[in-house]
């Protein structure tokens, strides 16, 4: 799970608790994570796909339609990610200034 953007990508591919994870197109992820370069987003998505966390589906059309969603292994990360986000919010509230 190394890499600055992987948790951000997983967060953006996660839906609300108890809801099936959404399927997102590459362009939707680009808009949702504006600070990441296209090259870096592609690299991080490929790593997540290789690790079995993200599923990539290519639809044969012109232009190609590429969609991403969490696998069951990626889904299992959702509670851990939620706990990290809760901790970060708590820390932010308690930090001075």
PDB file of N, CA and C in Angstrom:
ATOM      1  N   UNK A   1       0.819  -1.195   0.000  1.00  0.00           N
ATOM      2  CA  UNK A   1       0.000   0.000   0.000  1.00  0.00           C
ATOM      3  C   UNK A   1       0.867   1.266   0.000  1.00  0.00           C
ATOM      4  N   UNK A   2       2.089   1.133  -0.487  1.00  0.00           N
ATOM      5  CA  UNK A   2       2.919   2.325  -0.556  1.00  0.00           C
ATOM      6  C   UNK A   2       2.467   3.198  -1.725  1.00  0.00           C
ATOM      7  N   UNK A   3       2.782   4.429  -1.639  1.00  0.00           N
ATOM      8  CA  UNK A   3       2.385   5.369  -2.676  1.00  0.00           C
ATOM      9  C   UNK A   3       1.413   6.384  -2.109  1.00  0.00           C
ATOM     10  N   UNK A   4       1.661   7.606  -2.449  1.00  0.00           N
ATOM     11  CA  UNK A   4       0.877   8.715  -1.897  1.00  0.00           C
ATOM     12  C   UNK A   4      -0.599   8.661  -2.264  1.00  0.00           C
ATOM     13  N   UNK A   5      -0.921   8.124  -3.420  1.00  0.00           N
ATOM     14  CA  UNK A   5      -2.274   8.248  -3.946  1.00  0.00           C
ATOM     15  C   UNK A   5      -3.145   7.009  -3.775  1.00  0.00           C
ATOM     16  N   UNK A   6      -2.589   5.898  -3.380  1.00  0.00           N
ATOM     17  CA  UNK A   6      -3.377   4.663  -3.354  1.00  0.00           C
ATOM     18  C   UNK A   6      -4.567   4.722  -2.402  1.00  0.00           C
ATOM     19  N   UNK A   7      -4.372   5.233  -1.204  1.00  0.00           N
ATOM     20  CA  UNK A   7      -5.499   5.327  -0.267  1.00  0.00           C
ATOM     21  C   UNK A   7      -6.545   6.319  -0.756  1.00  0.00           C
ATOM     22  N   UNK A   8      -6.098   7.372  -1.418  1.00  0.00           N
ATOM     23  CA  UNK A   8      -7.036   8.358  -1.979  1.00  0.00           C
ATOM     24  C   UNK A   8      -7.861   7.707  -3.082  1.00  0.00           C
ATOM     25  N   UNK A   9      -7.220   6.912  -3.920  1.00  0.00           N
ATOM     26  CA  UNK A   9      -7.931   6.210  -4.992  1.00  0.00           C
ATOM     27  C   UNK A   9      -8.939   5.227  -4.407  1.00  0.00           C
ATOM     28  N   UNK A  10      -8.505   4.442  -3.428  1.00  0.00           N
ATOM     29  CA  UNK A  10      -9.414   3.468  -2.795  1.00  0.00           C
ATOM     30  C   UNK A  10     -10.591   4.195  -2.164  1.00  0.00           C
ATOM     31  N   UNK A  11     -10.322   5.311  -1.496  1.00  0.00           N
ATOM     32  CA  UNK A  11     -11.404   6.101  -0.904  1.00  0.00           C
ATOM     33  C   UNK A  11     -12.398   6.552  -1.970  1.00  0.00           C
ATOM     34  N   UNK A  12     -11.900   6.998  -3.112  1.00  0.00           N
ATOM     35  CA  UNK A  12     -12.783   7.463  -4.181  1.00  0.00           C
ATOM     36  C   UNK A  12     -13.530   6.339  -4.870  1.00  0.00           C
ATOM     37  N   UNK A  13     -13.029   5.130  -4.771  1.00  0.00           N
ATOM     38  CA  UNK A  13     -13.740   3.981  -5.330  1.00  0.00           C
ATOM     39  C   UNK A  13     -14.673   3.333  -4.308  1.00  0.00           C
ATOM     40  N   UNK A  14     -14.646   3.807  -3.082  1.00  0.00           N
ATOM     41  CA  UNK A  14     -15.514   3.275  -2.032  1.00  0.00           C
ATOM     42  C   UNK A  14     -16.812   4.059  -1.999  1.00  0.00           C
ATOM     43  N   UNK A  15     -17.883   3.361  -1.862  1.00  0.00           N
ATOM     44  CA  UNK A  15     -19.165   4.019  -1.656  1.00  0.00           C
ATOM     45  C   UNK A  15     -19.460   4.096  -0.182  1.00  0.00           C
ATOM     46  N   UNK A  16     -20.620   4.600   0.177  1.00  0.00           N
ATOM     47  CA  UNK A  16     -21.016   4.633   1.585  1.00  0.00           C
ATOM     48  C   UNK A  16     -21.110   3.217   2.157  1.00  0.00           C
ATOM     49  N   UNK A  17     -20.968   3.118   3.464  1.00  0.00           N
ATOM     50  CA  UNK A  17     -21.065   1.819   4.140  1.00  0.00           C
ATOM     51  C   UNK A  17     -22.390   1.143   3.791  1.00  0.00           C
ATOM     52  N   UNK A  18     -22.323  -0.158   3.573  1.00  0.00           N
ATOM     53  CA  UNK A  18     -23.525  -0.930   3.292  1.00  0.00           C
ATOM     54  C   UNK A  18     -24.016  -0.812   1.860  1.00  0.00           C
ATOM     55  N   UNK A  19     -23.293  -0.070   1.023  1.00  0.00           N
ATOM     56  CA  UNK A  19     -23.682   0.116  -0.370  1.00  0.00           C
ATOM     57  C   UNK A  19     -22.611  -0.518  -1.245  1.00  0.00           C
ATOM     58  N   UNK A  20     -23.044  -1.197  -2.298  1.00  0.00           N
ATOM     59  CA  UNK A  20     -22.093  -1.797  -3.228  1.00  0.00           C
ATOM     60  C   UNK A  20     -21.175  -0.708  -3.778  1.00  0.00           C
ATOM     61  N   UNK A  21     -19.905  -1.027  -3.909  1.00  0.00           N
ATOM     62  CA  UNK A  21     -18.965  -0.008  -4.384  1.00  0.00           C
ATOM     63  C   UNK A  21     -19.307   0.404  -5.805  1.00  0.00           C
ATOM     64  N   UNK A  22     -19.166   1.692  -6.065  1.00  0.00           N
ATOM     65  CA  UNK A  22     -19.498   2.190  -7.401  1.00  0.00           C
ATOM     66  C   UNK A  22     -18.442   1.808  -8.431  1.00  0.00           C
ATOM     67  N   UNK A  23     -18.862   1.824  -9.669  1.00  0.00           N
ATOM     68  CA  UNK A  23     -17.950   1.657 -10.801  1.00  0.00           C
ATOM     69  C   UNK A  23     -17.671   3.061 -11.309  1.00  0.00           C
ATOM     70  N   UNK A  24     -16.386   3.393 -11.448  1.00  0.00           N
ATOM     71  CA  UNK A  24     -16.033   4.739 -11.892  1.00  0.00           C
ATOM     72  C   UNK A  24     -15.147   4.676 -13.123  1.00  0.00           C
ATOM     73  N   UNK A  25     -15.395   5.601 -14.014  1.00  0.00           N
ATOM     74  CA  UNK A  25     -14.559   5.736 -15.196  1.00  0.00           C
ATOM     75  C   UNK A  25     -13.290   6.484 -14.818  1.00  0.00           C
ATOM     76  N   UNK A  26     -12.269   6.321 -15.656  1.00  0.00           N
ATOM     77  CA  UNK A  26     -10.991   6.975 -15.399  1.00  0.00           C
ATOM     78  C   UNK A  26     -11.172   8.484 -15.275  1.00  0.00           C
ATOM     79  N   UNK A  27     -11.967   9.065 -16.149  1.00  0.00           N
ATOM     80  CA  UNK A  27     -12.177  10.525 -16.122  1.00  0.00           C
ATOM     81  C   UNK A  27     -12.838  10.979 -14.823  1.00  0.00           C
ATOM     82  N   UNK A  28     -13.700  10.153 -14.252  1.00  0.00           N
ATOM     83  CA  UNK A  28     -14.325  10.493 -12.975  1.00  0.00           C
ATOM     84  C   UNK A  28     -13.283  10.519 -11.856  1.00  0.00           C
ATOM     85  N   UNK A  29     -12.362   9.563 -11.891  1.00  0.00           N
ATOM     86  CA  UNK A  29     -11.295   9.539 -10.887  1.00  0.00           C
ATOM     87  C   UNK A  29     -10.372  10.745 -11.049  1.00  0.00           C
ATOM     88  N   UNK A  30     -10.082  11.117 -12.289  1.00  0.00           N
ATOM     89  CA  UNK A  30      -9.245  12.305 -12.539  1.00  0.00           C
ATOM     90  C   UNK A  30      -9.882  13.549 -11.939  1.00  0.00           C
ATOM     91  N   UNK A  31     -11.178  13.706 -12.133  1.00  0.00           N
ATOM     92  CA  UNK A  31     -11.884  14.876 -11.591  1.00  0.00           C
ATOM     93  C   UNK A  31     -11.955  14.833 -10.070  1.00  0.00           C
ATOM     94  N   UNK A  32     -12.091  13.643  -9.514  1.00  0.00           N
ATOM     95  CA  UNK A  32     -12.214  13.502  -8.062  1.00  0.00           C
ATOM     96  C   UNK A  32     -10.888  13.724  -7.341  1.00  0.00           C
ATOM     97  N   UNK A  33      -9.778  13.514  -8.056  1.00  0.00           N
ATOM     98  CA  UNK A  33      -8.439  13.655  -7.457  1.00  0.00           C
ATOM     99  C   UNK A  33      -7.634  14.628  -8.332  1.00  0.00           C
ATOM    100  N   UNK A  34      -7.939  15.909  -8.272  1.00  0.00           N
ATOM    101  CA  UNK A  34      -7.345  16.864  -9.210  1.00  0.00           C
ATOM    102  C   UNK A  34      -5.845  17.092  -9.043  1.00  0.00           C
ATOM    103  N   UNK A  35      -5.266  16.777  -7.891  1.00  0.00           N
ATOM    104  CA  UNK A  35      -3.846  17.046  -7.661  1.00  0.00           C
ATOM    105  C   UNK A  35      -2.918  15.962  -8.191  1.00  0.00           C
ATOM    106  N   UNK A  36      -3.450  14.853  -8.664  1.00  0.00           N
ATOM    107  CA  UNK A  36      -2.621  13.766  -9.178  1.00  0.00           C
ATOM    108  C   UNK A  36      -2.495  13.908 -10.694  1.00  0.00           C
ATOM    109  N   UNK A  37      -1.300  13.657 -11.208  1.00  0.00           N
ATOM    110  CA  UNK A  37      -1.112  13.707 -12.659  1.00  0.00           C
ATOM    111  C   UNK A  37      -1.747  12.463 -13.287  1.00  0.00           C
ATOM    112  N   UNK A  38      -2.059  12.579 -14.558  1.00  0.00           N
ATOM    113  CA  UNK A  38      -2.663  11.455 -15.267  1.00  0.00           C
ATOM    114  C   UNK A  38      -1.722  10.247 -15.253  1.00  0.00           C
ATOM    115  N   UNK A  39      -0.434  10.482 -15.471  1.00  0.00           N
ATOM    116  CA  UNK A  39       0.561   9.411 -15.468  1.00  0.00           C
ATOM    117  C   UNK A  39       0.597   8.700 -14.115  1.00  0.00           C
ATOM    118  N   UNK A  40       0.611   9.477 -13.034  1.00  0.00           N
ATOM    119  CA  UNK A  40       0.672   8.888 -11.692  1.00  0.00           C
ATOM    120  C   UNK A  40      -0.613   8.120 -11.376  1.00  0.00           C
ATOM    121  N   UNK A  41      -1.759   8.661 -11.777  1.00  0.00           N
ATOM    122  CA  UNK A  41      -3.024   7.974 -11.535  1.00  0.00           C
ATOM    123  C   UNK A  41      -3.034   6.627 -12.248  1.00  0.00           C
ATOM    124  N   UNK A  42      -2.576   6.611 -13.484  1.00  0.00           N
ATOM    125  CA  UNK A  42      -2.518   5.360 -14.242  1.00  0.00           C
ATOM    126  C   UNK A  42      -1.587   4.368 -13.552  1.00  0.00           C
ATOM    127  N   UNK A  43      -0.412   4.832 -13.139  1.00  0.00           N
ATOM    128  CA  UNK A  43       0.553   3.941 -12.470  1.00  0.00           C
ATOM    129  C   UNK A  43      -0.023   3.359 -11.185  1.00  0.00           C
ATOM    130  N   UNK A  44      -0.652   4.207 -10.381  1.00  0.00           N
ATOM    131  CA  UNK A  44      -1.198   3.743  -9.104  1.00  0.00           C
ATOM    132  C   UNK A  44      -2.359   2.778  -9.320  1.00  0.00           C
ATOM    133  N   UNK A  45      -3.209   3.047 -10.304  1.00  0.00           N
ATOM    134  CA  UNK A  45      -4.314   2.143 -10.609  1.00  0.00           C
ATOM    135  C   UNK A  45      -3.796   0.792 -11.092  1.00  0.00           C
ATOM    136  N   UNK A  46      -2.754   0.806 -11.905  1.00  0.00           N
ATOM    137  CA  UNK A  46      -2.177  -0.451 -12.390  1.00  0.00           C
ATOM    138  C   UNK A  46      -1.592  -1.265 -11.238  1.00  0.00           C
ATOM    139  N   UNK A  47      -0.930  -0.585 -10.299  1.00  0.00           N
ATOM    140  CA  UNK A  47      -0.388  -1.289  -9.120  1.00  0.00           C
ATOM    141  C   UNK A  47      -1.511  -1.899  -8.292  1.00  0.00           C
ATOM    142  N   UNK A  48      -2.569  -1.131  -8.079  1.00  0.00           N
ATOM    143  CA  UNK A  48      -3.707  -1.632  -7.307  1.00  0.00           C
ATOM    144  C   UNK A  48      -4.374  -2.808  -8.026  1.00  0.00           C
ATOM    145  N   UNK A  49      -4.415  -2.744  -9.353  1.00  0.00           N
ATOM    146  CA  UNK A  49      -4.972  -3.847 -10.131  1.00  0.00           C
ATOM    147  C   UNK A  49      -4.078  -5.082  -9.995  1.00  0.00           C
ATOM    148  N   UNK A  50      -2.781  -4.893 -10.113  1.00  0.00           N
ATOM    149  CA  UNK A  50      -1.826  -5.994  -9.992  1.00  0.00           C
ATOM    150  C   UNK A  50      -1.914  -6.657  -8.610  1.00  0.00           C
ATOM    151  N   UNK A  51      -2.174  -5.834  -7.566  1.00  0.00           N
ATOM    152  CA  UNK A  51      -2.278  -6.347  -6.201  1.00  0.00           C
ATOM    153  C   UNK A  51      -3.637  -6.953  -5.886  1.00  0.00           C
ATOM    154  N   UNK A  52      -4.560  -6.919  -6.852  1.00  0.00           N
ATOM    155  CA  UNK A  52      -5.874  -7.523  -6.665  1.00  0.00           C
ATOM    156  C   UNK A  52      -6.852  -6.672  -5.881  1.00  0.00           C
ATOM    157  N   UNK A  53      -6.578  -5.376  -5.752  1.00  0.00           N
ATOM    158  CA  UNK A  53      -7.437  -4.484  -4.975  1.00  0.00           C
ATOM    159  C   UNK A  53      -8.462  -3.775  -5.862  1.00  0.00           C
ATOM    160  N   UNK A  54      -8.075  -3.528  -7.107  1.00  0.00           N
ATOM    161  CA  UNK A  54      -8.936  -2.834  -8.057  1.00  0.00           C
ATOM    162  C   UNK A  54      -9.127  -3.711  -9.285  1.00  0.00           C
ATOM    163  N   UNK A  55     -10.342  -3.710  -9.793  1.00  0.00           N
ATOM    164  CA  UNK A  55     -10.646  -4.420 -11.040  1.00  0.00           C
ATOM    165  C   UNK A  55     -10.792  -3.386 -12.149  1.00  0.00           C
ATOM    166  N   UNK A  56     -10.127  -3.629 -13.253  1.00  0.00           N
ATOM    167  CA  UNK A  56     -10.178  -2.731 -14.415  1.00  0.00           C
ATOM    168  C   UNK A  56     -10.939  -3.432 -15.524  1.00  0.00           C
ATOM    169  N   UNK A  57     -11.941  -2.764 -16.067  1.00  0.00           N
ATOM    170  CA  UNK A  57     -12.739  -3.324 -17.152  1.00  0.00           C
ATOM    171  C   UNK A  57     -12.625  -2.403 -18.357  1.00  0.00           C
ATOM    172  N   UNK A  58     -12.240  -2.965 -19.497  1.00  0.00           N
ATOM    173  CA  UNK A  58     -12.134  -2.194 -20.730  1.00  0.00           C
ATOM    174  C   UNK A  58     -13.268  -2.618 -21.645  1.00  0.00           C
ATOM    175  N   UNK A  59     -14.077  -1.657 -22.064  1.00  0.00           N
ATOM    176  CA  UNK A  59     -15.170  -1.925 -22.990  1.00  0.00           C
ATOM    177  C   UNK A  59     -14.688  -1.596 -24.396  1.00  0.00           C
ATOM    178  N   UNK A  60     -14.786  -2.559 -25.323  1.00  0.00           N
ATOM    179  CA  UNK A  60     -14.281  -2.346 -26.684  1.00  0.00           C
ATOM    180  C   UNK A  60     -15.187  -1.417 -27.495  1.00  0.00           C
ATOM    181  N   UNK A  61     -14.889  -0.161 -27.450  1.00  0.00           N
ATOM    182  CA  UNK A  61     -15.617   0.838 -28.220  1.00  0.00           C
ATOM    183  C   UNK A  61     -14.647   1.960 -28.530  1.00  0.00           C
ATOM    184  N   UNK A  62     -15.060   2.876 -29.371  1.00  0.00           N
ATOM    185  CA  UNK A  62     -14.212   4.012 -29.723  1.00  0.00           C
ATOM    186  C   UNK A  62     -14.889   5.277 -29.236  1.00  0.00           C
ATOM    187  N   UNK A  63     -14.240   6.066 -28.376  1.00  0.00           N
ATOM    188  CA  UNK A  63     -12.988   5.767 -27.694  1.00  0.00           C
ATOM    189  C   UNK A  63     -13.204   4.689 -26.632  1.00  0.00           C
ATOM    190  N   UNK A  64     -12.123   4.000 -26.230  1.00  0.00           N
ATOM    191  CA  UNK A  64     -12.267   2.929 -25.244  1.00  0.00           C
ATOM    192  C   UNK A  64     -12.855   3.449 -23.927  1.00  0.00           C
ATOM    193  N   UNK A  65     -13.722   2.675 -23.352  1.00  0.00           N
ATOM    194  CA  UNK A  65     -14.326   3.010 -22.060  1.00  0.00           C
ATOM    195  C   UNK A  65     -13.670   2.119 -21.012  1.00  0.00           C
ATOM    196  N   UNK A  66     -12.976   2.739 -20.066  1.00  0.00           N
ATOM    197  CA  UNK A  66     -12.280   1.994 -19.022  1.00  0.00           C
ATOM    198  C   UNK A  66     -12.935   2.324 -17.683  1.00  0.00           C
ATOM    199  N   UNK A  67     -13.302   1.285 -16.952  1.00  0.00           N
ATOM    200  CA  UNK A  67     -13.963   1.458 -15.661  1.00  0.00           C
ATOM    201  C   UNK A  67     -13.167   0.737 -14.574  1.00  0.00           C
ATOM    202  N   UNK A  68     -13.283   1.283 -13.367  1.00  0.00           N
ATOM    203  CA  UNK A  68     -12.579   0.723 -12.212  1.00  0.00           C
ATOM    204  C   UNK A  68     -13.558   0.528 -11.071  1.00  0.00           C
ATOM    205  N   UNK A  69     -13.326  -0.540 -10.311  1.00  0.00           N
ATOM    206  CA  UNK A  69     -14.084  -0.762  -9.083  1.00  0.00           C
ATOM    207  C   UNK A  69     -13.240  -1.609  -8.149  1.00  0.00           C
ATOM    208  N   UNK A  70     -13.573  -1.564  -6.869  1.00  0.00           N
ATOM    209  CA  UNK A  70     -12.853  -2.363  -5.891  1.00  0.00           C
ATOM    210  C   UNK A  70     -13.226  -3.832  -6.043  1.00  0.00           C
ATOM    211  N   UNK A  71     -12.248  -4.690  -5.846  1.00  0.00           N
ATOM    212  CA  UNK A  71     -12.500  -6.130  -5.784  1.00  0.00           C
ATOM    213  C   UNK A  71     -12.954  -6.456  -4.357  1.00  0.00           C
ATOM    214  N   UNK A  72     -13.219  -7.721  -4.093  1.00  0.00           N
ATOM    215  CA  UNK A  72     -13.599  -8.094  -2.721  1.00  0.00           C
ATOM    216  C   UNK A  72     -12.442  -7.833  -1.759  1.00  0.00           C
ATOM    217  N   UNK A  73     -11.214  -7.998  -2.223  1.00  0.00           N
ATOM    218  CA  UNK A  73     -10.049  -7.680  -1.398  1.00  0.00           C
ATOM    219  C   UNK A  73      -9.986  -6.177  -1.109  1.00  0.00           C
ATOM    220  N   UNK A  74     -10.294  -5.372  -2.108  1.00  0.00           N
ATOM    221  CA  UNK A  74     -10.347  -3.926  -1.920  1.00  0.00           C
ATOM    222  C   UNK A  74     -11.471  -3.516  -0.983  1.00  0.00           C
ATOM    223  N   UNK A  75     -12.596  -4.199  -1.115  1.00  0.00           N
ATOM    224  CA  UNK A  75     -13.744  -3.945  -0.227  1.00  0.00           C
ATOM    225  C   UNK A  75     -13.366  -4.179   1.231  1.00  0.00           C
ATOM    226  N   UNK A  76     -12.522  -5.175   1.462  1.00  0.00           N
ATOM    227  CA  UNK A  76     -12.120  -5.506   2.830  1.00  0.00           C
ATOM    228  C   UNK A  76     -11.299  -4.386   3.468  1.00  0.00           C
ATOM    229  N   UNK A  77     -10.751  -3.486   2.656  1.00  0.00           N
ATOM    230  CA  UNK A  77      -9.982  -2.352   3.174  1.00  0.00           C
ATOM    231  C   UNK A  77     -10.864  -1.203   3.665  1.00  0.00           C
ATOM    232  N   UNK A  78     -12.125  -1.197   3.291  1.00  0.00           N
ATOM    233  CA  UNK A  78     -13.016  -0.077   3.624  1.00  0.00           C
ATOM    234  C   UNK A  78     -13.087   0.231   5.119  1.00  0.00           C
ATOM    235  N   UNK A  79     -13.259  -0.755   6.010  1.00  0.00           N
ATOM    236  CA  UNK A  79     -13.315  -0.426   7.442  1.00  0.00           C
ATOM    237  C   UNK A  79     -12.006   0.183   7.951  1.00  0.00           C
ATOM    238  N   UNK A  80     -10.875  -0.324   7.453  1.00  0.00           N
ATOM    239  CA  UNK A  80      -9.577   0.207   7.860  1.00  0.00           C
ATOM    240  C   UNK A  80      -9.427   1.653   7.379  1.00  0.00           C
ATOM    241  N   UNK A  81      -9.830   1.917   6.168  1.00  0.00           N
ATOM    242  CA  UNK A  81      -9.748   3.273   5.620  1.00  0.00           C
ATOM    243  C   UNK A  81     -10.661   4.218   6.398  1.00  0.00           C
ATOM    244  N   UNK A  82     -11.870   3.759   6.723  1.00  0.00           N
ATOM    245  CA  UNK A  82     -12.800   4.576   7.511  1.00  0.00           C
ATOM    246  C   UNK A  82     -12.188   4.910   8.876  1.00  0.00           C
ATOM    247  N   UNK A  83     -11.550   3.923   9.504  1.00  0.00           N
ATOM    248  CA  UNK A  83     -10.915   4.154  10.807  1.00  0.00           C
ATOM    249  C   UNK A  83      -9.780   5.171  10.684  1.00  0.00           C
ATOM    250  N   UNK A  84      -8.989   5.091   9.633  1.00  0.00           N
ATOM    251  CA  UNK A  84      -7.909   6.062   9.420  1.00  0.00           C
ATOM    252  C   UNK A  84      -8.463   7.470   9.218  1.00  0.00           C
ATOM    253  N   UNK A  85      -9.534   7.580   8.446  1.00  0.00           N
ATOM    254  CA  UNK A  85     -10.142   8.899   8.223  1.00  0.00           C
ATOM    255  C   UNK A  85     -10.716   9.466   9.515  1.00  0.00           C
ATOM    256  N   UNK A  86     -11.356   8.616  10.323  1.00  0.00           N
ATOM    257  CA  UNK A  86     -11.888   9.064  11.613  1.00  0.00           C
ATOM    258  C   UNK A  86     -10.758   9.544  12.516  1.00  0.00           C
ATOM    259  N   UNK A  87      -9.651   8.793  12.542  1.00  0.00           N
ATOM    260  CA  UNK A  87      -8.500   9.174  13.347  1.00  0.00           C
ATOM    261  C   UNK A  87      -7.925  10.509  12.874  1.00  0.00           C
ATOM    262  N   UNK A  88      -7.799  10.681  11.556  1.00  0.00           N
ATOM    263  CA  UNK A  88      -7.258  11.938  11.016  1.00  0.00           C
ATOM    264  C   UNK A  88      -8.148  13.119  11.366  1.00  0.00           C
ATOM    265  N   UNK A  89      -9.459  12.939  11.326  1.00  0.00           N
ATOM    266  CA  UNK A  89     -10.382  14.022  11.705  1.00  0.00           C
ATOM    267  C   UNK A  89     -10.275  14.340  13.176  1.00  0.00           C
ATOM    268  N   UNK A  90     -10.160  13.313  14.019  1.00  0.00           N
ATOM    269  CA  UNK A  90      -9.993  13.529  15.462  1.00  0.00           C
ATOM    270  C   UNK A  90      -8.698  14.281  15.741  1.00  0.00           C
ATOM    271  N   UNK A  91      -7.630  13.885  15.092  1.00  0.00           N
ATOM    272  CA  UNK A  91      -6.330  14.541  15.272  1.00  0.00           C
ATOM    273  C   UNK A  91      -6.391  16.014  14.834  1.00  0.00           C
ATOM    274  N   UNK A  92      -7.076  16.230  13.726  1.00  0.00           N
ATOM    275  CA  UNK A  92      -7.211  17.609  13.214  1.00  0.00           C
ATOM    276  C   UNK A  92      -7.980  18.480  14.209  1.00  0.00           C
ATOM    277  N   UNK A  93      -9.017  17.916  14.810  1.00  0.00           N
ATOM    278  CA  UNK A  93      -9.823  18.677  15.782  1.00  0.00           C
ATOM    279  C   UNK A  93      -9.042  18.986  17.041  1.00  0.00           C
ATOM    280  N   UNK A  94      -8.134  18.097  17.411  1.00  0.00           N
ATOM    281  CA  UNK A  94      -7.390  18.261  18.664  1.00  0.00           C
ATOM    282  C   UNK A  94      -6.091  19.029  18.504  1.00  0.00           C
ATOM    283  N   UNK A  95      -5.667  19.254  17.264  1.00  0.00           N
ATOM    284  CA  UNK A  95      -4.390  19.961  17.094  1.00  0.00           C
ATOM    285  C   UNK A  95      -4.573  21.463  17.314  1.00  0.00           C
ATOM    286  N   UNK A  96      -3.610  22.092  17.966  1.00  0.00           N
ATOM    287  CA  UNK A  96      -3.717  23.534  18.235  1.00  0.00           C
ATOM    288  C   UNK A  96      -3.557  24.332  16.942  1.00  0.00           C
ATOM    289  N   UNK A  97      -4.260  25.449  16.895  1.00  0.00           N
ATOM    290  CA  UNK A  97      -4.098  26.426  15.832  1.00  0.00           C
ATOM    291  C   UNK A  97      -4.883  26.152  14.649  1.00  0.00           C
TER     292      UNK A  97
END
